[in-house]
Amino acid sequence: MIYVGVTGWGDHDSLYTAGVAAKDKLQEYGAHFPSVEVDASFYAIQPTRNVEKWVASTPDSFRFIVKAYQGMTGHQRGEIPFDSKELMFTAFKESLMPYENAGKLAMVLFQFPPWFECKKENVDYLRWCKEQMGDTKVALEFRNQSWFQPAYHDRTLTFMEEEGWIHSICDEPQAGTGSIPTVLHPTDPDNTLVRLHGRNIHGWTKSVTGKDWREVRYLYDYNKEELLGWKKNLEKLTSSSQNVFMLFNNNSGGHAAGNAKQMIDLLGLEYTGLAPKQLDLF
């Protein structure tokens, strides 16, 4: 099955009825897409009450991809707000329980930063992360090109297969060391993750003049030809992986939800079990 969705649910205003409260957006989101990426978990390990509410706000068939906390992936500089990394992982795993109990956790995404390069100590850390996560399904996304350089390309994929990592395949600008190519190679027979970040090469780095780079990094609107290219890619991926989760992250300009809808139409998908759509009567 192909699950199409977007990253986060708060900023996609085109999906929602006018004046909808922030607390009610996820419930409306579930009328459009069968899955979503939880970004809030990257910035802080979420309290159980939040996760329980999200689980209760979505249909039974809905699936969450939960982004790993930034202290677990090395994004957070300085001291972590835990006495040890072991305790940090324990707290994060406890926050996943409502998803798991409801059968709604698709996977946890470990997205590593551009400075996480292919070297022995980082390979060892990946093994340690996998051990800490136990039986929880985990996806791995790199942002440093060294992992897919010719000398390491095949070994990186074999490592993910042997260690049980789901490959997070990216579509992103090719801007040197801090970006990775699209590698259409599932590493898990059950699940594959695809994340589309846009192709705005000028906004991908921090060197954008006169603008906050975070506001333009994902500023991109995929055209029909590009989406048709991904339709072909999905045909290849689904031949090797039972489920493919495709998430659009190109939302600096609000394009993610629209592109996701276009993708669903191009694939001819009709999801059952979505939440009923709200009627905008006024």
C-alpha atoms as a PDB file:
ATOM      1  CA  MET A   1       0.000   0.000   0.000  1.00  0.00           C
ATOM      2  CA  ILE A   2       1.111   3.560  -0.680  1.00  0.00           C
ATOM      3  CA  TYR A   3       0.429   6.034   2.117  1.00  0.00           C
ATOM      4  CA  VAL A   4       0.660   9.660   0.965  1.00  0.00           C
ATOM      5  CA  GLY A   5       0.817  12.492   3.482  1.00  0.00           C
ATOM      6  CA  VAL A   6       2.765  15.550   4.594  1.00  0.00           C
ATOM      7  CA  THR A   7       5.083  16.526   7.418  1.00  0.00           C
ATOM      8  CA  GLY A   8       3.186  18.033  10.328  1.00  0.00           C
ATOM      9  CA  TRP A   9      -0.456  19.063  10.237  1.00  0.00           C
ATOM     10  CA  GLY A  10      -0.472  22.600  11.586  1.00  0.00           C
ATOM     11  CA  ASP A  11       0.636  24.660   8.584  1.00  0.00           C
ATOM     12  CA  HIS A  12      -1.420  23.263   5.707  1.00  0.00           C
ATOM     13  CA  ASP A  13      -4.232  25.816   5.702  1.00  0.00           C
ATOM     14  CA  SER A  14      -5.627  24.731   2.338  1.00  0.00           C
ATOM     15  CA  LEU A  15      -6.925  21.558   4.004  1.00  0.00           C
ATOM     16  CA  TYR A  16      -8.994  23.151   6.738  1.00  0.00           C
ATOM     17  CA  THR A  17     -12.295  24.922   7.143  1.00  0.00           C
ATOM     18  CA  ALA A  18     -12.044  28.609   7.947  1.00  0.00           C
ATOM     19  CA  GLY A  19     -11.437  29.387  11.589  1.00  0.00           C
ATOM     20  CA  VAL A  20     -10.664  25.832  12.678  1.00  0.00           C
ATOM     21  CA  ALA A  21      -8.804  25.741  16.004  1.00  0.00           C
ATOM     22  CA  ALA A  22      -5.244  24.408  16.039  1.00  0.00           C
ATOM     23  CA  LYS A  23      -6.321  21.607  18.391  1.00  0.00           C
ATOM     24  CA  ASP A  24      -8.844  20.366  15.820  1.00  0.00           C
ATOM     25  CA  LYS A  25      -6.637  20.424  12.720  1.00  0.00           C
ATOM     26  CA  LEU A  26      -5.388  16.848  13.008  1.00  0.00           C
ATOM     27  CA  GLN A  27      -8.951  15.538  13.057  1.00  0.00           C
ATOM     28  CA  GLU A  28      -9.668  17.377   9.791  1.00  0.00           C
ATOM     29  CA  TYR A  29      -6.307  16.316   8.375  1.00  0.00           C
ATOM     30  CA  GLY A  30      -7.380  12.689   8.761  1.00  0.00           C
ATOM     31  CA  ALA A  31     -10.151  13.290   6.235  1.00  0.00           C
ATOM     32  CA  HIS A  32      -7.545  13.977   3.526  1.00  0.00           C
ATOM     33  CA  PHE A  33      -4.553  11.718   4.162  1.00  0.00           C
ATOM     34  CA  PRO A  34      -3.925   8.319   5.800  1.00  0.00           C
ATOM     35  CA  SER A  35      -0.615   9.219   7.460  1.00  0.00           C
ATOM     36  CA  VAL A  36       1.434  12.114   8.816  1.00  0.00           C
ATOM     37  CA  GLU A  37       4.871  12.857  10.169  1.00  0.00           C
ATOM     38  CA  VAL A  38       4.971  14.109  13.753  1.00  0.00           C
ATOM     39  CA  ASP A  39       7.521  16.930  13.866  1.00  0.00           C
ATOM     40  CA  ALA A  40       6.810  18.133  17.401  1.00  0.00           C
ATOM     41  CA  SER A  41       8.648  15.090  18.770  1.00  0.00           C
ATOM     42  CA  PHE A  42      11.896  16.394  17.240  1.00  0.00           C
ATOM     43  CA  TYR A  43      11.808  19.558  19.352  1.00  0.00           C
ATOM     44  CA  ALA A  44      10.645  17.953  22.598  1.00  0.00           C
ATOM     45  CA  ILE A  45       9.736  14.478  23.797  1.00  0.00           C
ATOM     46  CA  GLN A  46       5.973  14.704  23.885  1.00  0.00           C
ATOM     47  CA  PRO A  47       3.929  14.127  27.036  1.00  0.00           C
ATOM     48  CA  THR A  48       1.603  11.135  26.941  1.00  0.00           C
ATOM     49  CA  ARG A  49      -1.499  13.346  27.051  1.00  0.00           C
ATOM     50  CA  ASN A  50      -0.563  14.943  23.713  1.00  0.00           C
ATOM     51  CA  VAL A  51       0.029  11.628  21.985  1.00  0.00           C
ATOM     52  CA  GLU A  52      -3.170  10.141  23.408  1.00  0.00           C
ATOM     53  CA  LYS A  53      -5.143  13.090  21.986  1.00  0.00           C
ATOM     54  CA  TRP A  54      -3.539  12.699  18.550  1.00  0.00           C
ATOM     55  CA  VAL A  55      -4.262   9.000  18.508  1.00  0.00           C
ATOM     56  CA  ALA A  56      -7.867   9.585  19.522  1.00  0.00           C
ATOM     57  CA  SER A  57      -8.295  12.269  16.827  1.00  0.00           C
ATOM     58  CA  THR A  58      -7.465   9.957  13.922  1.00  0.00           C
ATOM     59  CA  PRO A  59      -9.199   7.000  12.227  1.00  0.00           C
ATOM     60  CA  ASP A  60      -8.298   3.427  13.152  1.00  0.00           C
ATOM     61  CA  SER A  61      -6.317   2.920   9.934  1.00  0.00           C
ATOM     62  CA  PHE A  62      -4.285   6.117  10.326  1.00  0.00           C
ATOM     63  CA  ARG A  63      -0.498   5.811  10.687  1.00  0.00           C
ATOM     64  CA  PHE A  64       2.068   8.117  12.311  1.00  0.00           C
ATOM     65  CA  ILE A  65       5.725   8.522  11.376  1.00  0.00           C
ATOM     66  CA  VAL A  66       7.312   9.993  14.514  1.00  0.00           C
ATOM     67  CA  LYS A  67      10.494  12.010  14.156  1.00  0.00           C
ATOM     68  CA  ALA A  68      13.193  11.129  16.690  1.00  0.00           C
ATOM     69  CA  TYR A  69      14.036  13.736  19.318  1.00  0.00           C
ATOM     70  CA  GLN A  70      16.892  16.046  18.293  1.00  0.00           C
ATOM     71  CA  GLY A  71      19.075  14.964  21.204  1.00  0.00           C
ATOM     72  CA  MET A  72      19.002  11.416  19.820  1.00  0.00           C
ATOM     73  CA  THR A  73      20.281  12.439  16.390  1.00  0.00           C
ATOM     74  CA  GLY A  74      22.943  14.965  17.356  1.00  0.00           C
ATOM     75  CA  HIS A  75      21.099  18.091  16.237  1.00  0.00           C
ATOM     76  CA  GLN A  76      20.985  19.482  19.773  1.00  0.00           C
ATOM     77  CA  ARG A  77      24.289  21.098  20.653  1.00  0.00           C
ATOM     78  CA  GLY A  78      25.484  21.250  24.256  1.00  0.00           C
ATOM     79  CA  GLU A  79      24.071  19.281  27.157  1.00  0.00           C
ATOM     80  CA  ILE A  80      20.937  17.214  26.748  1.00  0.00           C
ATOM     81  CA  PRO A  81      18.206  17.697  29.408  1.00  0.00           C
ATOM     82  CA  PHE A  82      18.648  14.127  30.671  1.00  0.00           C
ATOM     83  CA  ASP A  83      21.143  12.511  33.010  1.00  0.00           C
ATOM     84  CA  SER A  84      22.198  10.082  30.297  1.00  0.00           C
ATOM     85  CA  LYS A  85      21.473   9.167  26.692  1.00  0.00           C
ATOM     86  CA  GLU A  86      19.983   5.902  27.901  1.00  0.00           C
ATOM     87  CA  LEU A  87      17.402   7.809  29.952  1.00  0.00           C
ATOM     88  CA  MET A  88      16.663  10.068  26.967  1.00  0.00           C
ATOM     89  CA  PHE A  89      15.924   7.063  24.766  1.00  0.00           C
ATOM     90  CA  THR A  90      13.814   5.502  27.524  1.00  0.00           C
ATOM     91  CA  ALA A  91      11.724   8.660  27.855  1.00  0.00           C
ATOM     92  CA  PHE A  92      11.248   8.831  24.091  1.00  0.00           C
ATOM     93  CA  LYS A  93      10.186   5.189  23.858  1.00  0.00           C
ATOM     94  CA  GLU A  94       7.671   5.711  26.658  1.00  0.00           C
ATOM     95  CA  SER A  95       6.155   8.595  24.650  1.00  0.00           C
ATOM     96  CA  LEU A  96       5.513   6.158  21.793  1.00  0.00           C
ATOM     97  CA  MET A  97       3.309   3.830  23.819  1.00  0.00           C
ATOM     98  CA  PRO A  98      -0.073   5.392  22.892  1.00  0.00           C
ATOM     99  CA  TYR A  99       0.761   5.060  19.176  1.00  0.00           C
ATOM    100  CA  GLU A 100       1.893   1.465  19.617  1.00  0.00           C
ATOM    101  CA  ASN A 101      -1.053   0.466  21.815  1.00  0.00           C
ATOM    102  CA  ALA A 102      -3.439   1.769  19.144  1.00  0.00           C
ATOM    103  CA  GLY A 103      -1.528   0.070  16.316  1.00  0.00           C
ATOM    104  CA  LYS A 104      -0.902   3.452  14.680  1.00  0.00           C
ATOM    105  CA  LEU A 105       2.900   3.725  14.780  1.00  0.00           C
ATOM    106  CA  ALA A 106       4.318   3.201  11.302  1.00  0.00           C
ATOM    107  CA  MET A 107       7.910   3.945  12.302  1.00  0.00           C
ATOM    108  CA  VAL A 108      10.269   6.354  14.054  1.00  0.00           C
ATOM    109  CA  LEU A 109      12.399   8.494  11.743  1.00  0.00           C
ATOM    110  CA  PHE A 110      16.025   9.106  12.678  1.00  0.00           C
ATOM    111  CA  GLN A 111      17.117  11.987  10.462  1.00  0.00           C
ATOM    112  CA  PHE A 112      20.763  12.836  11.025  1.00  0.00           C
ATOM    113  CA  PRO A 113      22.315  16.273  10.372  1.00  0.00           C
ATOM    114  CA  PRO A 114      24.680  17.263   7.541  1.00  0.00           C
ATOM    115  CA  TRP A 115      27.708  16.922   9.824  1.00  0.00           C
ATOM    116  CA  PHE A 116      26.924  13.251  10.591  1.00  0.00           C
ATOM    117  CA  GLU A 117      29.379  11.761   8.115  1.00  0.00           C
ATOM    118  CA  CYS A 118      30.244   8.186   7.248  1.00  0.00           C
ATOM    119  CA  LYS A 119      32.868   7.136   9.774  1.00  0.00           C
ATOM    120  CA  LYS A 120      33.312   4.314  12.252  1.00  0.00           C
ATOM    121  CA  GLU A 121      32.148   6.140  15.380  1.00  0.00           C
ATOM    122  CA  ASN A 122      28.911   7.132  13.648  1.00  0.00           C
ATOM    123  CA  VAL A 123      28.328   3.603  12.358  1.00  0.00           C
ATOM    124  CA  ASP A 124      28.807   2.392  15.933  1.00  0.00           C
ATOM    125  CA  TYR A 125      26.323   5.009  17.153  1.00  0.00           C
ATOM    126  CA  LEU A 126      23.735   3.818  14.642  1.00  0.00           C
ATOM    127  CA  ARG A 127      24.113   0.271  15.968  1.00  0.00           C
ATOM    128  CA  TRP A 128      23.677   1.578  19.513  1.00  0.00           C
ATOM    129  CA  CYS A 129      20.536   3.541  18.527  1.00  0.00           C
ATOM    130  CA  LYS A 130      19.031   0.446  16.965  1.00  0.00           C
ATOM    131  CA  GLU A 131      19.724  -1.554  20.120  1.00  0.00           C
ATOM    132  CA  GLN A 132      18.110   1.141  22.277  1.00  0.00           C
ATOM    133  CA  MET A 133      14.953   1.167  20.126  1.00  0.00           C
ATOM    134  CA  GLY A 134      14.477  -2.600  20.422  1.00  0.00           C
ATOM    135  CA  ASP A 135      11.609  -3.909  18.291  1.00  0.00           C
ATOM    136  CA  THR A 136      10.309  -0.458  17.335  1.00  0.00           C
ATOM    137  CA  LYS A 137      10.401   0.071  13.572  1.00  0.00           C
ATOM    138  CA  VAL A 138      12.972   2.723  12.736  1.00  0.00           C
ATOM    139  CA  ALA A 139      13.809   4.606   9.544  1.00  0.00           C
ATOM    140  CA  LEU A 140      17.158   6.175   8.733  1.00  0.00           C
ATOM    141  CA  GLU A 141      17.756   9.347   6.722  1.00  0.00           C
ATOM    142  CA  PHE A 142      21.150  10.869   6.078  1.00  0.00           C
ATOM    143  CA  ARG A 143      22.000  14.451   5.171  1.00  0.00           C
ATOM    144  CA  ASN A 144      25.694  13.888   4.483  1.00  0.00           C
ATOM    145  CA  GLN A 145      26.634  12.697   1.003  1.00  0.00           C
ATOM    146  CA  SER A 146      29.551  10.563   2.225  1.00  0.00           C
ATOM    147  CA  TRP A 147      27.198   7.670   3.052  1.00  0.00           C
ATOM    148  CA  PHE A 148      26.429   7.256  -0.650  1.00  0.00           C
ATOM    149  CA  GLN A 149      29.819   7.983  -2.138  1.00  0.00           C
ATOM    150  CA  PRO A 150      30.959   5.117  -4.433  1.00  0.00           C
ATOM    151  CA  ALA A 151      33.252   3.646  -1.775  1.00  0.00           C
ATOM    152  CA  TYR A 152      30.423   3.345   0.782  1.00  0.00           C
ATOM    153  CA  HIS A 153      27.188   3.266  -1.256  1.00  0.00           C
ATOM    154  CA  ASP A 154      26.645  -0.505  -1.280  1.00  0.00           C
ATOM    155  CA  ARG A 155      28.015  -0.983   2.233  1.00  0.00           C
ATOM    156  CA  THR A 156      25.632   1.653   3.607  1.00  0.00           C
ATOM    157  CA  LEU A 157      22.614  -0.126   2.112  1.00  0.00           C
ATOM    158  CA  THR A 158      23.836  -3.555   3.272  1.00  0.00           C
ATOM    159  CA  PHE A 159      24.365  -2.143   6.761  1.00  0.00           C
ATOM    160  CA  MET A 160      20.780  -0.862   6.873  1.00  0.00           C
ATOM    161  CA  GLU A 161      19.459  -4.209   5.703  1.00  0.00           C
ATOM    162  CA  GLU A 162      21.485  -6.187   8.241  1.00  0.00           C
ATOM    163  CA  GLU A 163      20.710  -3.872  11.153  1.00  0.00           C
ATOM    164  CA  GLY A 164      16.993  -3.591  10.376  1.00  0.00           C
ATOM    165  CA  TRP A 165      16.798   0.075   9.370  1.00  0.00           C
ATOM    166  CA  ILE A 166      14.027   1.246   7.026  1.00  0.00           C
ATOM    167  CA  HIS A 167      15.503   3.371   4.263  1.00  0.00           C
ATOM    168  CA  SER A 168      14.214   6.952   4.180  1.00  0.00           C
ATOM    169  CA  ILE A 169      14.631   7.802   0.486  1.00  0.00           C
ATOM    170  CA  CYS A 170      14.920  11.508  -0.283  1.00  0.00           C
ATOM    171  CA  ASP A 171      14.095  13.865  -3.095  1.00  0.00           C
ATOM    172  CA  GLU A 172      16.109  17.005  -2.418  1.00  0.00           C
ATOM    173  CA  PRO A 173      18.400  19.543  -4.121  1.00  0.00           C
ATOM    174  CA  GLN A 174      21.815  18.223  -5.072  1.00  0.00           C
ATOM    175  CA  ALA A 175      23.879  20.857  -3.301  1.00  0.00           C
ATOM    176  CA  GLY A 176      27.114  19.130  -2.428  1.00  0.00           C
ATOM    177  CA  THR A 177      28.136  17.425   0.798  1.00  0.00           C
ATOM    178  CA  GLY A 178      25.032  18.463   2.727  1.00  0.00           C
ATOM    179  CA  SER A 179      22.599  16.629   0.475  1.00  0.00           C
ATOM    180  CA  ILE A 180      22.127  13.050  -0.669  1.00  0.00           C
ATOM    181  CA  PRO A 181      21.041  11.535  -3.976  1.00  0.00           C
ATOM    182  CA  THR A 182      17.770   9.708  -4.506  1.00  0.00           C
ATOM    183  CA  VAL A 183      18.675   6.050  -3.943  1.00  0.00           C
ATOM    184  CA  LEU A 184      15.746   3.832  -4.928  1.00  0.00           C
ATOM    185  CA  HIS A 185      16.722   0.858  -2.798  1.00  0.00           C
ATOM    186  CA  PRO A 186      14.336  -0.419  -0.097  1.00  0.00           C
ATOM    187  CA  THR A 187      16.153  -2.036   2.818  1.00  0.00           C
ATOM    188  CA  ASP A 188      13.071  -3.510   4.509  1.00  0.00           C
ATOM    189  CA  PRO A 189      10.571  -5.859   2.818  1.00  0.00           C
ATOM    190  CA  ASP A 190       7.649  -4.418   4.776  1.00  0.00           C
ATOM    191  CA  ASN A 191       8.159  -0.654   4.825  1.00  0.00           C
ATOM    192  CA  THR A 192       9.929   2.100   2.918  1.00  0.00           C
ATOM    193  CA  LEU A 193       9.812   5.844   3.604  1.00  0.00           C
ATOM    194  CA  VAL A 194      10.033   8.548   0.928  1.00  0.00           C
ATOM    195  CA  ARG A 195      10.426  12.204   1.908  1.00  0.00           C
ATOM    196  CA  LEU A 196      10.224  14.970  -0.688  1.00  0.00           C
ATOM    197  CA  HIS A 197      11.973  18.160   0.384  1.00  0.00           C
ATOM    198  CA  GLY A 198      11.651  20.073  -2.888  1.00  0.00           C
ATOM    199  CA  ARG A 199      14.394  20.973  -5.357  1.00  0.00           C
ATOM    200  CA  ASN A 200      15.167  24.568  -4.420  1.00  0.00           C
ATOM    201  CA  ILE A 201      18.945  24.371  -4.658  1.00  0.00           C
ATOM    202  CA  HIS A 202      19.339  28.102  -3.954  1.00  0.00           C
ATOM    203  CA  GLY A 203      17.421  27.873  -0.707  1.00  0.00           C
ATOM    204  CA  TRP A 204      18.945  24.613   0.527  1.00  0.00           C
ATOM    205  CA  THR A 205      21.998  26.165   2.164  1.00  0.00           C
ATOM    206  CA  LYS A 206      22.253  28.952   4.731  1.00  0.00           C
ATOM    207  CA  SER A 207      23.812  31.297   2.181  1.00  0.00           C
ATOM    208  CA  VAL A 208      20.526  32.837   1.043  1.00  0.00           C
ATOM    209  CA  THR A 209      20.962  36.620   1.073  1.00  0.00           C
ATOM    210  CA  GLY A 210      18.458  38.780   2.916  1.00  0.00           C
ATOM    211  CA  LYS A 211      16.114  35.967   3.934  1.00  0.00           C
ATOM    212  CA  ASP A 212      15.724  33.468   6.728  1.00  0.00           C
ATOM    213  CA  TRP A 213      17.023  30.268   5.097  1.00  0.00           C
ATOM    214  CA  ARG A 214      14.452  28.215   7.023  1.00  0.00           C
ATOM    215  CA  GLU A 215      11.665  30.068   5.197  1.00  0.00           C
ATOM    216  CA  VAL A 216      13.029  29.293   1.735  1.00  0.00           C
ATOM    217  CA  ARG A 217      14.755  25.929   2.195  1.00  0.00           C
ATOM    218  CA  TYR A 218      11.587  23.990   1.340  1.00  0.00           C
ATOM    219  CA  LEU A 219      10.128  26.569  -1.046  1.00  0.00           C
ATOM    220  CA  TYR A 220       9.228  24.435  -4.030  1.00  0.00           C
ATOM    221  CA  ASP A 221       6.192  23.352  -6.010  1.00  0.00           C
ATOM    222  CA  TYR A 222       6.604  20.018  -7.822  1.00  0.00           C
ATOM    223  CA  ASN A 223       5.292  20.089 -11.373  1.00  0.00           C
ATOM    224  CA  LYS A 224       3.298  17.309 -13.002  1.00  0.00           C
ATOM    225  CA  GLU A 225       6.278  15.889 -14.882  1.00  0.00           C
ATOM    226  CA  GLU A 226       8.268  15.583 -11.651  1.00  0.00           C
ATOM    227  CA  LEU A 227       5.366  13.899  -9.882  1.00  0.00           C
ATOM    228  CA  LEU A 228       4.944  11.489 -12.794  1.00  0.00           C
ATOM    229  CA  GLY A 229       8.620  10.651 -12.379  1.00  0.00           C
ATOM    230  CA  TRP A 230       7.880   9.720  -8.794  1.00  0.00           C
ATOM    231  CA  LYS A 231       4.938   7.636  -9.919  1.00  0.00           C
ATOM    232  CA  LYS A 232       7.421   5.494 -11.829  1.00  0.00           C
ATOM    233  CA  ASN A 233       9.747   5.412  -8.836  1.00  0.00           C
ATOM    234  CA  LEU A 234       6.926   4.194  -6.614  1.00  0.00           C
ATOM    235  CA  GLU A 235       6.188   1.340  -8.994  1.00  0.00           C
ATOM    236  CA  LYS A 236       9.759   0.180  -8.521  1.00  0.00           C
ATOM    237  CA  LEU A 237       9.684   0.599  -4.734  1.00  0.00           C
ATOM    238  CA  THR A 238       6.387  -1.225  -4.240  1.00  0.00           C
ATOM    239  CA  SER A 239       7.803  -4.248  -6.046  1.00  0.00           C
ATOM    240  CA  SER A 240      10.317  -4.648  -3.187  1.00  0.00           C
ATOM    241  CA  SER A 241       8.473  -3.231  -0.174  1.00  0.00           C
ATOM    242  CA  GLN A 242       4.909  -3.990   0.935  1.00  0.00           C
ATOM    243  CA  ASN A 243       4.171  -0.472   2.217  1.00  0.00           C
ATOM    244  CA  VAL A 244       5.596   2.829   1.003  1.00  0.00           C
ATOM    245  CA  PHE A 245       5.011   5.991   3.012  1.00  0.00           C
ATOM    246  CA  MET A 246       5.448   9.147   0.918  1.00  0.00           C
ATOM    247  CA  LEU A 247       5.659  12.458   2.768  1.00  0.00           C
ATOM    248  CA  PHE A 248       5.835  15.911   1.194  1.00  0.00           C
ATOM    249  CA  ASN A 249       7.993  18.341   3.178  1.00  0.00           C
ATOM    250  CA  ASN A 250       8.051  21.215   0.661  1.00  0.00           C
ATOM    251  CA  ASN A 251       5.912  23.591   2.659  1.00  0.00           C
ATOM    252  CA  SER A 252       7.854  26.868   2.930  1.00  0.00           C
ATOM    253  CA  GLY A 253       5.353  28.204   0.386  1.00  0.00           C
ATOM    254  CA  GLY A 254       2.439  25.974   1.346  1.00  0.00           C
ATOM    255  CA  HIS A 255       2.827  23.569  -1.570  1.00  0.00           C
ATOM    256  CA  ALA A 256       3.115  20.257   0.288  1.00  0.00           C
ATOM    257  CA  ALA A 257      -0.586  19.476   0.716  1.00  0.00           C
ATOM    258  CA  GLY A 258      -1.412  20.380  -2.878  1.00  0.00           C
ATOM    259  CA  ASN A 259       1.407  18.236  -4.255  1.00  0.00           C
ATOM    260  CA  ALA A 260       0.332  15.344  -2.043  1.00  0.00           C
ATOM    261  CA  LYS A 261      -3.214  15.617  -3.402  1.00  0.00           C
ATOM    262  CA  GLN A 262      -1.862  15.683  -6.969  1.00  0.00           C
ATOM    263  CA  MET A 263       0.191  12.576  -6.243  1.00  0.00           C
ATOM    264  CA  ILE A 264      -2.839  10.712  -4.953  1.00  0.00           C
ATOM    265  CA  ASP A 265      -4.757  11.613  -8.121  1.00  0.00           C
ATOM    266  CA  LEU A 266      -1.891  10.569 -10.407  1.00  0.00           C
ATOM    267  CA  LEU A 267      -1.639   7.236  -8.603  1.00  0.00           C
ATOM    268  CA  GLY A 268      -5.403   6.710  -8.812  1.00  0.00           C
ATOM    269  CA  LEU A 269      -5.598   6.062  -5.080  1.00  0.00           C
ATOM    270  CA  GLU A 270      -8.887   6.029  -3.184  1.00  0.00           C
ATOM    271  CA  TYR A 271      -8.344   5.631   0.529  1.00  0.00           C
ATOM    272  CA  THR A 272     -11.003   4.000   2.667  1.00  0.00           C
ATOM    273  CA  GLY A 273     -11.307   4.602   6.386  1.00  0.00           C
ATOM    274  CA  LEU A 274     -10.500   8.321   6.311  1.00  0.00           C
ATOM    275  CA  ALA A 275     -12.230  10.677   8.711  1.00  0.00           C
ATOM    276  CA  PRO A 276     -15.455  12.301   7.450  1.00  0.00           C
ATOM    277  CA  LYS A 277     -14.822  15.710   5.877  1.00  0.00           C
ATOM    278  CA  GLN A 278     -16.073  18.787   7.665  1.00  0.00           C
ATOM    279  CA  LEU A 279     -18.713  20.844   5.860  1.00  0.00           C
ATOM    280  CA  ASP A 280     -17.982  24.547   5.539  1.00  0.00           C
ATOM    281  CA  LEU A 281     -21.542  25.829   5.746  1.00  0.00           C
ATOM    282  CA  PHE A 282     -20.826  29.527   6.232  1.00  0.00           C
END
